[in-house]
Structures are given as structure tokens and as C-alpha cells.
Protein backbone atom coordinates (compact mmCIF):
# COMPACT_ATOMS: atom_id res chain seq x y z
CA MET A 1 -8.51 59.32 58.04
CA GLY A 2 -7.40 60.59 54.79
CA LEU A 3 -8.37 59.21 51.46
CA GLN A 4 -5.63 57.34 49.78
CA GLN A 5 -5.04 58.32 46.28
CA VAL A 6 -5.85 55.56 43.76
CA PRO A 7 -3.30 55.36 40.96
CA GLU A 8 -4.82 56.43 37.72
CA MET A 9 -5.33 53.69 35.20
CA ASP A 10 -5.03 54.57 31.61
CA TYR A 11 -7.89 52.48 30.27
CA ARG A 12 -7.52 53.73 26.74
CA SER A 13 -3.92 52.57 26.42
CA ARG A 14 -4.75 49.24 28.04
CA LEU A 15 -7.66 48.80 25.63
CA LYS A 16 -5.34 49.55 22.72
CA ASP A 17 -2.94 46.87 24.00
CA PHE A 18 -5.76 44.33 24.23
CA LEU A 19 -6.99 45.24 20.76
CA ALA A 20 -3.46 44.86 19.36
CA LEU A 21 -3.16 41.42 20.97
CA GLU A 22 -6.57 40.43 19.61
CA GLU A 23 -5.52 41.55 16.14
CA LYS A 24 -2.33 39.49 16.35
CA ARG A 25 -4.32 36.47 17.55
CA ASN A 26 -6.76 36.83 14.66
CA GLY A 27 -3.87 37.13 12.20
CA LEU A 28 -2.29 33.97 13.58
CA MET A 29 -5.60 32.10 13.34
CA GLU A 30 -6.03 33.18 9.70
CA GLU A 31 -2.49 32.04 8.88
CA ILE A 32 -3.11 28.66 10.53
CA LEU A 33 -6.42 28.22 8.71
CA GLN A 34 -4.82 29.06 5.34
CA LYS A 35 -2.07 26.50 5.94
CA LEU A 36 -4.68 23.95 6.98
CA ASP A 37 -6.63 24.57 3.76
CA THR A 38 -3.45 24.17 1.70
CA VAL A 39 -2.42 20.94 3.43
CA THR A 40 -5.95 19.54 3.18
CA ALA A 41 -6.03 20.23 -0.58
CA GLN A 42 -2.61 18.59 -1.01
CA LEU A 43 -3.74 15.56 0.99
CA GLU A 44 -6.83 15.20 -1.17
CA THR A 45 -4.72 15.38 -4.34
CA VAL A 46 -2.28 12.77 -3.06
CA THR A 47 -5.13 10.53 -1.91
CA ASN A 48 -6.79 10.68 -5.33
CA GLU A 49 -3.52 9.95 -7.13
CA SER A 50 -2.75 7.09 -4.75
CA ALA A 51 -6.21 5.61 -5.25
CA ARG A 52 -5.68 5.57 -9.03
CA GLU A 53 -2.24 4.02 -8.64
CA VAL A 54 -3.59 1.39 -6.24
CA SER A 55 -6.35 0.42 -8.67
CA VAL A 56 -3.80 0.06 -11.49
CA LEU A 57 -1.52 -2.02 -9.26
CA LYS A 58 -4.44 -4.24 -8.22
CA ALA A 59 -5.32 -4.83 -11.87
CA ASP A 60 -1.66 -5.66 -12.64
CA LEU A 61 -1.56 -8.06 -9.70
CA GLU A 62 -4.69 -9.84 -10.90
CA ASP A 63 -3.18 -10.14 -14.40
CA GLN A 64 0.01 -11.58 -12.91
CA LYS A 65 -1.96 -14.07 -10.82
CA LYS A 66 -3.94 -15.15 -13.86
CA ALA A 67 -0.76 -15.58 -15.91
CA ARG A 68 0.91 -17.51 -13.07
CA ARG A 69 -2.07 -19.87 -12.83
CA GLY A 70 -1.88 -20.43 -16.58
CA TRP A 71 1.83 -21.24 -16.39
CA GLN A 72 1.26 -23.53 -13.41
CA ASP A 73 -1.43 -25.40 -15.33
CA GLU A 74 0.88 -25.64 -18.35
CA ALA A 75 3.74 -26.91 -16.16
CA ALA A 76 1.50 -29.55 -14.57
CA ALA A 77 0.36 -30.73 -18.01
CA GLN A 78 3.97 -30.91 -19.21
CA ARG A 79 5.02 -32.84 -16.09
CA GLU A 80 2.25 -35.36 -16.70
CA ARG A 81 3.23 -35.63 -20.34
CA LEU A 82 6.90 -36.12 -19.44
CA ALA A 83 6.06 -38.75 -16.82
CA SER A 84 3.92 -40.56 -19.38
CA MET A 85 6.73 -40.42 -21.94
CA VAL A 86 9.26 -41.74 -19.40
CA CYS A 87 6.99 -44.62 -18.45
CA HIS A 88 6.33 -45.42 -22.09
CA SER A 89 10.05 -45.24 -22.88
CA GLN A 90 10.88 -47.51 -19.97
CA ALA A 91 8.26 -49.99 -21.08
CA LEU A 92 9.66 -50.06 -24.60
CA TYR A 93 13.39 -49.83 -24.02
CA GLY A 94 13.97 -50.49 -20.34
CA CYS A 95 16.12 -48.31 -18.21
CA GLY A 96 18.91 -50.68 -17.31
CA SER A 97 18.07 -50.50 -13.63
CA SER A 98 18.76 -53.46 -11.40
CA LEU A 99 15.51 -52.82 -9.49
CA GLY A 100 13.51 -54.96 -11.86
CA ARG A 101 10.05 -54.49 -13.26
CA ASN A 102 6.57 -54.42 -11.83
CA ARG A 103 3.77 -56.76 -12.93
CA HIS A 104 2.97 -54.41 -15.83
CA GLY A 105 6.51 -54.59 -17.10
CA LEU A 106 7.46 -51.07 -16.02
CA CYS A 107 10.84 -50.35 -14.49
CA LEU A 108 10.81 -49.89 -10.71
CA CYS A 109 13.40 -47.14 -10.68
């Protein structure tokens, strides 16, 4: 039985190949981490700007609500005043309606 010859393995060149791959992997990881840092910083900036804008918009909304409530109160007061004036006018001058008047003398129209 003769010894079979084992093919020689060039460990040094294989090690160089592995080291080159490891270097490329490390370079890729660094590039990814740099991009992640950049995107994270941009996200933080946008979040801070958005938070300021949201607080301004909330304040504007509250001002608008307050103004709307004021106008609604004013409109209700004017409606009551107008209704009172109409009733008073009808009591004084009549409205010419054929519906008649109630027991207080106000027009039923």
C-alpha cells in the first residue's frame, strides 16, 4: 500500500484571502454605521423641528377655538336680541298675518 500524496494547501494565500474578506466586511460595517449615524441625526433634527411646529399649531388651534366660541356667544346674543326686537315690533305694529294673536297680543306667525 502506497501512501497517497495529499495535495498541498497554501495556507498563507488562503489566510490572505480570509483577511481581505474580513477587511471588506469591516469596511462595509463602518460605512453602514456612518450612514446610520447620519440618518439618526437627521431624524432627531426633523423630530425637534416638528415638535416646535406642532406646539405652534396647537396654540393657533386653541386661539381659533377661543375666537370661535366668542363669535358663537356673540351670534347667540344677537339672535336673542333680534328675536326680542321682532316680538316687540309685532306687538307694536302687528305683522299683518292672518294667524291671529296669542293671549299676550303677539302675532302667531
